[in-house]
Amino acid sequence: MKPTANQLPHRHRPTHSRRLTSHFRRFAFWVFLLIAPGLVRAQEERTLLLERIDIEGNTKTVAGVIHNYLDMEVGSTISRDMVEAAGKRLEATRFFKTSELRLSPGTEKGQAVLTVIVTERRWPFFQFKSGYNELDGWYLSPLGIRFDNLLGYGNRLGLEFLIGDRISGARLGYYRPYLLGTEYDLGLVLEGNDRQFLHYPEGARELDEAFFQKVHTSELALSINGNSGIPRFFSMKLSVQAVTVDSTLRRRGDNEERAAPGVLLPPLENPYRTGRLYLATHIDTRDNRAYPSRGWWGSLSWEHAVFQEDSILNRDLKYSRTVLDLRRYQPIWKELVGAVRVKYGQISEASPFFERFYLGGPNSLRGYVDRSQNPLGYASRMTLSSAELRFPLSARLKDRSRFTGVLFYDAGFAWNESTTWNFSKLKTGMGAGVRLRIPVIGILRVDLAYPIPDYEPRLHISLGQTF
């Protein structure tokens, strides 16, 4: 008669602890198979030392400029990923027609020699670019000339002309990266432009009912921005301005003119003379700037301005402006990406209208006429939130981000200090749109939006992503 399982000797009976040990060994084996390649690569990276850096072809550019963008030191640990990233940084400078980075074995095992081969760019080049910002809408720079890498020291000098939805002007800029060999970049800009502001009479909310007012600004600005390490999270700008405000309003089409109301009148002396200090901290962990699918972007800025209101009475007007802008990008399912934005801004009540906030239009609150959802003279307080679902519209394109669709929902409210924030006054809009990346122009954005609860469709056309 065969013995039962309970009659088997103790050493032959499988126990619960033995089964757990067996499962653990299998789990550990599969984990090892998954992480072993990474451990091997990490070990290779830790033992690969940079013996020296050789630079070839730099007949104009000083070696120190190239070293700044490599961001590698002799004797430090390097990897192929670091070399690839350095190559992209060097290419992005546009200092060279071609640039190539090669790794070769060093004199001893575990060492490597990095060779940088460049072909110099001798002549300035013309450029055409486009963009947008929330204050001025979209703009084009149909003509610009750049002198990059002046005298081989990595300086940039550029002149461009701007034509846009609400702005026109010219800008001359000088840029000195890695100032004195540090992690700071210096910028110096001389700019003159005309901005166009919209004002709606009481009860009017259509563009053909709006009056336009021009504001001319001349500015000289000095900026300092960090480019690496902790300083890359901070920036500062000092500027002086002369601002001239038209005292009359004009309506498009019939050219009707009317005197500007008091809230839109310039100070006793025109033009304004303004001094500004701008400080900002920011973070950017996005995986792709043009079409991010993961990461954060955030900015907290503070600006303090002083302008002379009346030279006879020697009175100065001061005001401050604070803006918090936070954005998150997150993959949801396959190529479906969620994007969320929250923004808050406030400015002193004494500030002029052209420094204040507005809502409405393709770059802020879709579904409403441009700059129509704010008090006359714009607002000193503003909240804005947006949510988007982004997805590719073509499976045949190698780069799926070239042609994409979006579903969106916007909500915002703009008010002055005398008015309290009220949820019932919140303006909302929803809709769908497409994004098409066009050579030279960039991203063309078309949105069909519905204000809630009116649901009267409105078409918005602009450039770039909304955020």
Protein backbone atom coordinates (compact mmCIF):
# COMPACT_ATOMS: atom_id res chain seq x y z
CA MET A 1 0.00 0.00 0.00
CA LYS A 2 1.40 3.41 -1.04
CA PRO A 3 1.96 5.84 1.77
CA THR A 4 -0.15 8.96 1.74
CA ALA A 5 1.29 12.44 1.48
CA ASN A 6 0.96 12.83 5.23
CA GLN A 7 3.01 9.64 5.71
CA LEU A 8 5.94 10.83 3.57
CA PRO A 9 9.14 11.57 5.44
CA HIS A 10 9.40 15.22 6.46
CA ARG A 11 12.36 15.93 4.17
CA HIS A 12 10.30 14.99 1.07
CA ARG A 13 7.25 17.12 1.82
CA PRO A 14 7.30 20.56 0.05
CA THR A 15 6.78 23.29 2.61
CA HIS A 16 5.26 26.79 2.22
CA SER A 17 8.64 28.45 2.87
CA ARG A 18 10.31 26.38 0.15
CA ARG A 19 7.68 27.42 -2.36
CA LEU A 20 8.19 31.07 -1.44
CA THR A 21 11.95 30.66 -1.83
CA SER A 22 11.48 29.13 -5.27
CA HIS A 23 9.22 31.95 -6.42
CA PHE A 24 11.61 34.55 -5.04
CA ARG A 25 14.54 33.00 -6.92
CA ARG A 26 12.59 33.09 -10.17
CA PHE A 27 11.56 36.70 -9.55
CA ALA A 28 15.15 37.68 -8.75
CA PHE A 29 16.38 35.95 -11.89
CA TRP A 30 14.00 37.90 -14.14
CA VAL A 31 14.76 41.17 -12.37
CA PHE A 32 18.48 40.53 -12.91
CA LEU A 33 17.88 39.92 -16.62
CA LEU A 34 16.05 43.25 -16.86
CA ILE A 35 18.56 45.39 -14.99
CA ALA A 36 21.80 43.64 -15.96
CA PRO A 37 22.24 45.58 -19.22
CA GLY A 38 21.75 48.83 -17.34
CA LEU A 39 24.25 47.77 -14.69
CA VAL A 40 26.78 46.93 -17.36
CA ARG A 41 26.26 50.26 -19.12
CA ALA A 42 26.50 52.12 -15.81
CA GLN A 43 29.75 50.30 -15.03
CA GLU A 44 31.12 51.23 -18.44
CA GLU A 45 30.16 54.87 -17.88
CA ARG A 46 31.82 54.95 -14.47
CA THR A 47 35.12 53.59 -15.79
CA LEU A 48 35.32 55.71 -19.00
CA LEU A 49 37.54 58.68 -18.20
CA LEU A 50 38.15 61.59 -20.54
CA GLU A 51 41.89 61.71 -21.20
CA ARG A 52 41.91 64.76 -23.46
CA ILE A 53 39.84 66.82 -25.91
CA ASP A 54 41.16 67.52 -29.41
CA ILE A 55 39.54 70.24 -31.55
CA GLU A 56 40.01 70.41 -35.31
CA GLY A 57 38.84 72.87 -37.95
CA ASN A 58 38.29 75.87 -35.65
CA THR A 59 40.13 78.41 -37.75
CA LYS A 60 38.03 81.27 -36.30
CA THR A 61 36.40 80.06 -33.09
CA VAL A 62 38.51 80.04 -29.94
CA ALA A 63 38.68 76.65 -28.24
CA GLY A 64 37.13 77.96 -25.03
CA VAL A 65 33.82 78.66 -26.80
CA ILE A 66 33.59 75.03 -27.94
CA HIS A 67 34.54 73.79 -24.46
CA ASN A 68 31.66 75.81 -22.96
CA TYR A 69 29.07 73.92 -25.01
CA LEU A 70 30.74 70.52 -24.50
CA ASP A 71 30.41 70.94 -20.72
CA MET A 72 33.05 68.26 -20.13
CA GLU A 73 36.33 68.39 -18.24
CA VAL A 74 39.48 66.34 -18.82
CA GLY A 75 39.69 63.67 -16.14
CA SER A 76 35.93 63.52 -15.63
CA THR A 77 33.65 60.54 -16.28
CA ILE A 78 31.79 60.60 -19.58
CA SER A 79 29.35 58.41 -21.50
CA ARG A 80 28.18 58.16 -25.07
CA ASP A 81 24.88 59.79 -24.09
CA MET A 82 26.80 62.77 -22.72
CA VAL A 83 28.79 63.02 -25.95
CA GLU A 84 25.58 62.88 -28.01
CA ALA A 85 23.99 65.64 -25.89
CA ALA A 86 27.12 67.79 -26.27
CA GLY A 87 26.96 67.35 -30.03
CA LYS A 88 23.37 68.57 -30.09
CA ARG A 89 24.27 71.64 -28.02
CA LEU A 90 27.13 72.46 -30.37
CA GLU A 91 24.91 72.04 -33.43
CA ALA A 92 22.19 74.23 -31.92
CA THR A 93 24.60 77.19 -31.70
CA ARG A 94 24.63 77.44 -35.53
CA PHE A 95 28.22 78.65 -35.25
CA PHE A 96 29.36 75.96 -37.66
CA LYS A 97 28.28 74.53 -41.00
CA THR A 98 29.04 71.04 -39.68
CA SER A 99 30.14 69.63 -36.34
CA GLU A 100 31.09 66.08 -35.38
CA LEU A 101 32.17 64.47 -32.11
CA ARG A 102 34.21 61.24 -32.11
CA LEU A 103 35.31 59.00 -29.25
CA SER A 104 38.49 56.96 -29.55
CA PRO A 105 40.47 54.79 -27.07
CA GLY A 106 42.93 56.57 -24.81
CA THR A 107 46.47 55.59 -23.87
CA GLU A 108 45.26 53.38 -21.04
CA LYS A 109 42.36 51.00 -20.62
CA GLY A 110 39.17 52.78 -19.52
CA GLN A 111 40.25 56.12 -20.95
CA ALA A 112 38.92 57.90 -24.03
CA VAL A 113 39.87 60.79 -26.30
CA LEU A 114 37.16 63.11 -27.58
CA THR A 115 37.81 64.68 -30.98
CA VAL A 116 35.66 67.63 -32.11
CA ILE A 117 35.70 68.38 -35.84
CA VAL A 118 34.00 71.57 -37.04
CA THR A 119 33.59 73.51 -40.27
CA GLU A 120 33.38 77.23 -39.64
CA ARG A 121 30.48 79.42 -40.82
CA ARG A 122 32.02 82.55 -42.25
CA TRP A 123 29.10 84.72 -43.29
CA PRO A 124 26.02 86.10 -41.56
CA PHE A 125 22.74 84.51 -42.53
CA PHE A 126 19.21 85.75 -43.10
CA GLN A 127 16.35 84.26 -41.15
CA PHE A 128 12.58 84.09 -41.23
CA LYS A 129 10.75 83.15 -38.06
CA SER A 130 7.36 83.29 -36.42
CA GLY A 131 5.91 83.09 -32.93
CA TYR A 132 3.32 84.42 -30.54
CA ASN A 133 2.89 85.69 -27.02
CA GLU A 134 -0.20 86.35 -24.96
CA LEU A 135 0.20 90.11 -24.97
CA ASP A 136 0.81 90.71 -28.68
CA GLY A 137 -0.76 87.67 -30.35
CA TRP A 138 1.02 86.08 -33.31
CA TYR A 139 3.87 87.76 -35.15
CA LEU A 140 6.20 87.16 -38.09
CA SER A 141 9.77 88.23 -38.60
CA PRO A 142 9.93 88.23 -42.43
CA LEU A 143 13.40 89.74 -42.48
CA GLY A 144 16.21 89.23 -40.03
CA ILE A 145 19.98 89.06 -40.23
CA ARG A 146 22.23 87.38 -37.69
CA PHE A 147 25.95 87.62 -37.07
CA ASP A 148 26.65 84.60 -34.90
CA ASN A 149 30.01 83.85 -33.30
CA LEU A 150 31.41 87.33 -33.83
CA LEU A 151 35.23 87.27 -34.03
CA GLY A 152 35.12 83.65 -32.88
CA TYR A 153 34.20 84.44 -29.26
CA GLY A 154 30.65 83.07 -29.33
CA ASN A 155 28.88 86.45 -29.37
CA ARG A 156 25.61 86.91 -31.26
CA LEU A 157 24.34 90.05 -32.94
CA GLY A 158 21.01 90.18 -34.75
CA LEU A 159 18.56 92.61 -36.31
CA GLU A 160 14.95 91.64 -37.02
CA PHE A 161 11.71 93.29 -38.07
CA LEU A 162 8.36 92.22 -36.62
CA ILE A 163 4.90 92.25 -38.19
CA GLY A 164 2.02 90.74 -36.30
CA ASP A 165 -1.55 90.62 -35.13
CA ARG A 166 -1.17 93.45 -32.62
CA ILE A 167 2.48 94.50 -32.96
CA SER A 168 4.99 95.89 -35.46
CA GLY A 169 8.53 97.07 -34.92
CA ALA A 170 12.25 96.31 -35.01
CA ARG A 171 14.72 94.79 -32.57
CA LEU A 172 18.52 94.88 -32.36
CA GLY A 173 19.99 92.34 -29.95
CA TYR A 174 23.41 91.39 -28.64
CA TYR A 175 23.92 88.12 -26.77
CA ARG A 176 27.02 86.95 -24.90
CA PRO A 177 26.74 83.37 -23.61
CA TYR A 178 28.95 82.12 -20.77
CA LEU A 179 29.85 85.61 -19.66
CA LEU A 180 33.49 85.70 -18.42
CA GLY A 181 33.48 81.89 -18.48
CA THR A 182 30.63 81.65 -15.94
CA GLU A 183 27.23 79.93 -16.12
CA TYR A 184 25.51 83.24 -16.93
CA ASP A 185 24.43 84.67 -20.30
CA LEU A 186 24.33 88.42 -20.99
CA GLY A 187 21.76 90.00 -23.29
CA LEU A 188 21.45 93.60 -24.51
CA VAL A 189 18.40 94.61 -26.59
CA LEU A 190 17.37 97.87 -28.24
CA GLU A 191 13.77 97.73 -29.45
CA GLY A 192 11.06 99.97 -30.83
CA ASN A 193 7.51 98.83 -31.51
CA ASP A 194 3.90 99.87 -31.92
CA ARG A 195 1.28 97.83 -30.05
CA GLN A 196 -2.43 97.94 -30.75
CA PHE A 197 -4.92 97.62 -27.87
CA LEU A 198 -8.62 96.88 -28.23
CA HIS A 199 -11.33 98.63 -26.20
CA TYR A 200 -15.05 97.80 -26.26
CA PRO A 201 -17.77 100.35 -25.49
CA GLU A 202 -20.23 99.30 -22.81
CA GLY A 203 -22.33 96.39 -24.03
CA ALA A 204 -20.18 95.76 -27.14
CA ARG A 205 -18.44 92.42 -27.52
CA GLU A 206 -17.82 92.08 -31.29
CA LEU A 207 -14.58 92.98 -33.03
CA ASP A 208 -16.23 95.37 -35.48
CA GLU A 209 -17.55 97.35 -32.49
CA ALA A 210 -14.12 97.71 -30.89
CA PHE A 211 -11.94 100.80 -30.83
CA PHE A 212 -8.18 100.60 -31.31
CA GLN A 213 -5.53 102.53 -29.46
CA LYS A 214 -1.83 102.60 -30.30
CA VAL A 215 0.98 102.53 -27.78
CA HIS A 216 4.52 103.16 -29.00
CA THR A 217 7.43 101.86 -26.91
CA SER A 218 11.19 102.36 -27.19
CA GLU A 219 13.24 100.19 -24.84
CA LEU A 220 16.82 99.45 -23.88
CA ALA A 221 17.14 96.26 -21.80
CA LEU A 222 19.98 94.42 -20.08
CA SER A 223 19.34 90.79 -19.07
CA ILE A 224 21.22 88.11 -17.16
CA ASN A 225 20.12 84.45 -17.51
CA GLY A 226 21.59 81.30 -16.04
CA ASN A 227 22.46 78.51 -18.48
CA SER A 228 23.51 75.62 -16.23
CA GLY A 229 23.53 74.48 -12.63
CA ILE A 230 21.33 76.28 -10.11
CA PRO A 231 21.54 79.63 -12.01
CA ARG A 232 19.59 78.13 -14.93
CA PHE A 233 16.43 78.46 -12.81
CA PHE A 234 16.73 82.26 -12.53
CA SER A 235 16.75 85.34 -14.76
CA MET A 236 16.90 89.10 -14.30
CA LYS A 237 16.30 92.09 -16.56
CA LEU A 238 16.83 95.84 -16.14
CA SER A 239 15.30 98.19 -18.70
CA VAL A 240 14.46 101.80 -19.43
CA GLN A 241 11.52 102.74 -21.65
CA ALA A 242 9.88 105.70 -23.33
CA VAL A 243 6.16 105.05 -23.94
CA THR A 244 3.81 107.23 -25.99
CA VAL A 245 0.05 106.60 -25.78
CA ASP A 246 -2.44 107.85 -28.39
CA SER A 247 -5.08 110.09 -26.82
CA THR A 248 -7.70 109.13 -29.41
CA LEU A 249 -9.43 105.86 -30.22
CA ARG A 250 -10.17 104.68 -33.75
CA ARG A 251 -12.63 102.10 -35.01
CA ARG A 252 -11.64 99.83 -37.85
CA GLY A 253 -13.64 100.15 -41.06
CA ASP A 254 -15.39 103.50 -40.67
CA ASN A 255 -12.32 105.22 -39.12
CA GLU A 256 -14.53 106.81 -36.49
CA GLU A 257 -12.53 108.63 -33.85
CA ARG A 258 -13.41 109.47 -30.29
CA ALA A 259 -11.51 110.87 -27.34
CA ALA A 260 -10.13 108.28 -24.97
CA PRO A 261 -11.91 108.08 -21.60
CA GLY A 262 -9.95 108.95 -18.48
CA VAL A 263 -8.94 105.39 -17.73
CA LEU A 264 -7.16 105.23 -21.11
CA LEU A 265 -5.59 108.69 -21.10
CA PRO A 266 -1.81 109.06 -20.77
CA PRO A 267 -0.32 110.85 -17.74
CA LEU A 268 0.14 114.58 -17.71
CA GLU A 269 3.38 114.19 -19.59
CA ASN A 270 3.59 112.05 -22.72
CA PRO A 271 5.75 110.04 -23.31
CA TYR A 272 6.18 108.01 -20.16
CA ARG A 273 9.73 107.49 -18.97
CA THR A 274 9.96 104.16 -17.21
CA GLY A 275 12.55 102.17 -15.32
CA ARG A 276 11.97 98.46 -14.69
CA LEU A 277 13.37 95.57 -12.71
CA TYR A 278 12.25 92.07 -13.68
CA LEU A 279 13.06 88.93 -11.65
CA ALA A 280 11.91 85.41 -12.48
CA THR A 281 12.42 81.81 -11.44
CA HIS A 282 11.42 79.02 -13.77
CA ILE A 283 11.63 75.28 -14.29
CA ASP A 284 11.39 73.22 -17.46
CA THR A 285 11.41 69.40 -17.44
CA ARG A 286 9.52 68.94 -20.72
CA ASP A 287 10.74 66.14 -22.96
CA ASN A 288 10.12 68.21 -26.10
CA ARG A 289 9.60 71.97 -26.36
CA ALA A 290 7.61 71.90 -29.60
CA TYR A 291 5.28 69.03 -28.67
CA PRO A 292 5.79 68.01 -25.03
CA SER A 293 4.27 64.72 -23.88
CA ARG A 294 5.69 64.62 -20.37
CA GLY A 295 7.09 67.03 -17.81
CA TRP A 296 6.55 70.35 -16.07
CA TRP A 297 6.98 73.96 -17.07
CA GLY A 298 6.59 76.69 -14.49
CA SER A 299 7.43 80.35 -13.99
CA LEU A 300 7.05 82.84 -11.16
CA SER A 301 7.92 86.41 -12.13
CA TRP A 302 7.92 89.73 -10.30
CA GLU A 303 8.34 93.11 -11.97
CA HIS A 304 8.64 96.53 -10.42
CA ALA A 305 8.31 99.67 -12.52
CA VAL A 306 8.72 103.37 -11.81
CA PHE A 307 7.75 106.05 -14.30
CA GLN A 308 7.78 109.80 -14.04
CA GLU A 309 4.21 111.06 -14.18
CA ASP A 310 4.70 114.81 -13.93
CA SER A 311 8.09 116.46 -14.32
CA ILE A 312 6.73 119.79 -13.06
CA LEU A 313 5.45 118.41 -9.77
CA ASN A 314 8.22 115.78 -9.77
CA ARG A 315 5.84 112.92 -8.98
CA ASP A 316 6.77 109.31 -9.63
CA LEU A 317 4.28 106.48 -10.06
CA LYS A 318 5.30 103.00 -8.94
CA TYR A 319 3.63 99.67 -9.51
CA SER A 320 4.45 95.96 -9.29
CA ARG A 321 3.31 92.98 -11.33
CA THR A 322 3.37 89.30 -10.32
CA VAL A 323 2.57 86.33 -12.56
CA LEU A 324 2.46 82.61 -11.70
CA ASP A 325 2.20 80.20 -14.65
CA LEU A 326 2.25 76.41 -14.12
CA ARG A 327 1.87 73.72 -16.81
CA ARG A 328 1.86 69.91 -16.74
CA TYR A 329 2.11 67.43 -19.62
CA GLN A 330 1.27 63.77 -19.08
CA PRO A 331 0.84 60.75 -21.41
CA ILE A 332 -2.57 59.17 -20.82
CA TRP A 333 -2.94 56.26 -23.23
CA LYS A 334 -0.70 55.35 -26.15
CA GLU A 335 -0.21 58.65 -28.03
CA LEU A 336 -2.94 60.55 -26.17
CA VAL A 337 -1.37 63.37 -24.14
CA GLY A 338 -3.02 65.48 -21.47
CA ALA A 339 -1.93 69.09 -20.93
CA VAL A 340 -3.09 71.31 -18.04
CA ARG A 341 -2.32 74.92 -17.29
CA VAL A 342 -3.08 77.25 -14.36
CA LYS A 343 -2.18 80.94 -14.43
CA TYR A 344 -2.67 83.81 -12.01
CA GLY A 345 -1.60 87.43 -12.39
CA GLN A 346 -1.97 90.64 -10.43
CA ILE A 347 -0.71 94.19 -10.82
CA SER A 348 -1.04 97.37 -8.81
CA GLU A 349 -4.19 99.40 -9.38
CA ALA A 350 -2.01 102.42 -10.24
CA SER A 351 -0.61 100.69 -13.31
CA PRO A 352 -1.44 101.98 -16.84
CA PHE A 353 -3.84 99.95 -18.97
CA PHE A 354 -1.18 98.62 -21.35
CA GLU A 355 0.51 96.74 -18.49
CA ARG A 356 -2.67 95.02 -17.30
CA PHE A 357 -4.29 91.66 -18.06
CA TYR A 358 -6.97 90.69 -20.53
CA LEU A 359 -9.01 87.62 -21.44
CA GLY A 360 -10.59 86.49 -24.69
CA GLY A 361 -9.18 85.32 -27.98
CA PRO A 362 -6.99 82.50 -29.34
CA ASN A 363 -4.16 82.99 -26.85
CA SER A 364 -6.13 83.14 -23.61
CA LEU A 365 -9.86 82.32 -23.41
CA ARG A 366 -11.06 80.66 -26.60
CA GLY A 367 -14.66 81.06 -27.72
CA TYR A 368 -14.68 84.81 -27.09
CA VAL A 369 -13.63 87.87 -29.11
CA ASP A 370 -10.06 89.02 -28.62
CA ARG A 371 -9.61 90.91 -25.30
CA SER A 372 -13.35 91.27 -24.74
CA GLN A 373 -13.75 89.62 -21.31
CA ASN A 374 -12.28 92.29 -19.05
CA PRO A 375 -13.21 95.73 -17.70
CA LEU A 376 -12.57 98.85 -19.76
CA GLY A 377 -8.89 99.65 -19.34
CA TYR A 378 -8.09 95.96 -18.73
CA ALA A 379 -7.86 94.14 -15.41
CA SER A 380 -5.53 94.23 -12.42
CA ARG A 381 -6.34 90.59 -11.50
CA MET A 382 -6.62 87.54 -13.70
CA THR A 383 -7.06 83.79 -13.33
CA LEU A 384 -6.92 81.39 -16.28
CA SER A 385 -6.97 77.59 -16.49
CA SER A 386 -6.92 75.32 -19.53
CA ALA A 387 -7.04 71.58 -20.15
CA GLU A 388 -6.26 69.89 -23.46
CA LEU A 389 -6.23 66.37 -24.87
CA ARG A 390 -3.69 66.17 -27.70
CA PHE A 391 -3.38 63.34 -30.23
CA PRO A 392 -1.84 62.68 -33.68
CA LEU A 393 -4.13 62.82 -36.69
CA SER A 394 -1.98 60.81 -39.10
CA ALA A 395 -0.46 57.36 -38.66
CA ARG A 396 1.58 57.64 -41.87
CA LEU A 397 3.80 60.51 -40.79
CA LYS A 398 7.12 59.48 -39.29
CA ASP A 399 6.91 62.48 -36.93
CA ARG A 400 3.40 62.22 -35.50
CA SER A 401 3.63 65.69 -33.93
CA ARG A 402 3.55 67.37 -37.37
CA PHE A 403 -0.23 67.03 -37.67
CA THR A 404 -2.20 66.78 -34.43
CA GLY A 405 -5.65 67.37 -33.02
CA VAL A 406 -6.81 68.75 -29.70
CA LEU A 407 -9.90 68.88 -27.50
CA PHE A 408 -9.84 71.77 -25.03
CA TYR A 409 -11.64 73.49 -22.18
CA ASP A 410 -10.77 77.00 -20.94
CA ALA A 411 -11.98 78.93 -17.90
CA GLY A 412 -11.00 82.40 -16.72
CA PHE A 413 -11.96 85.60 -14.99
CA ALA A 414 -10.42 89.09 -15.13
CA TRP A 415 -11.36 91.77 -12.61
CA ASN A 416 -10.17 94.83 -10.70
CA GLU A 417 -9.45 95.10 -7.00
CA SER A 418 -12.81 96.77 -6.35
CA THR A 419 -14.52 93.55 -7.54
CA THR A 420 -14.29 90.27 -5.64
CA TRP A 421 -13.60 86.96 -7.36
CA ASN A 422 -16.90 85.27 -8.06
CA PHE A 423 -17.32 81.75 -9.39
CA SER A 424 -20.58 82.70 -11.11
CA LYS A 425 -18.69 85.28 -13.20
CA LEU A 426 -16.20 82.71 -14.49
CA LYS A 427 -16.12 82.62 -18.30
CA THR A 428 -15.69 79.21 -19.93
CA GLY A 429 -15.25 77.84 -23.43
CA MET A 430 -14.69 74.48 -25.07
CA GLY A 431 -13.98 73.11 -28.52
CA ALA A 432 -11.62 71.26 -30.83
CA GLY A 433 -8.74 72.20 -33.09
CA VAL A 434 -5.87 71.08 -35.29
CA ARG A 435 -2.16 71.86 -35.28
CA LEU A 436 -0.05 71.66 -38.45
CA ARG A 437 3.68 72.26 -38.42
CA ILE A 438 4.70 74.10 -41.57
CA PRO A 439 8.32 74.62 -42.67
CA VAL A 440 9.68 78.10 -41.83
CA ILE A 441 6.34 79.30 -40.38
CA GLY A 442 6.15 76.82 -37.52
CA ILE A 443 2.92 75.54 -35.96
CA LEU A 444 -0.31 76.76 -37.54
CA ARG A 445 -3.14 76.57 -35.00
CA VAL A 446 -6.84 76.47 -35.90
CA ASP A 447 -9.49 76.15 -33.15
CA LEU A 448 -13.27 76.02 -33.30
CA ALA A 449 -14.48 77.15 -29.87
CA TYR A 450 -17.87 77.46 -28.18
CA PRO A 451 -18.45 79.88 -25.30
CA ILE A 452 -20.55 78.38 -22.51
CA PRO A 453 -23.55 78.61 -22.26
CA ASP A 454 -24.06 80.54 -25.54
CA TYR A 455 -22.51 77.85 -27.76
CA GLU A 456 -22.06 80.24 -30.66
CA PRO A 457 -19.08 78.86 -32.61
CA ARG A 458 -16.05 81.07 -33.10
CA LEU A 459 -13.03 80.28 -35.26
CA HIS A 460 -9.56 81.16 -33.96
CA ILE A 461 -6.42 81.08 -36.13
CA SER A 462 -2.98 81.69 -34.67
CA LEU A 463 0.58 80.36 -34.47
CA GLY A 464 2.24 78.05 -31.95
CA GLN A 465 0.75 75.95 -29.19
CA THR A 466 -1.55 77.66 -26.72
CA PHE A 467 0.79 76.53 -23.93
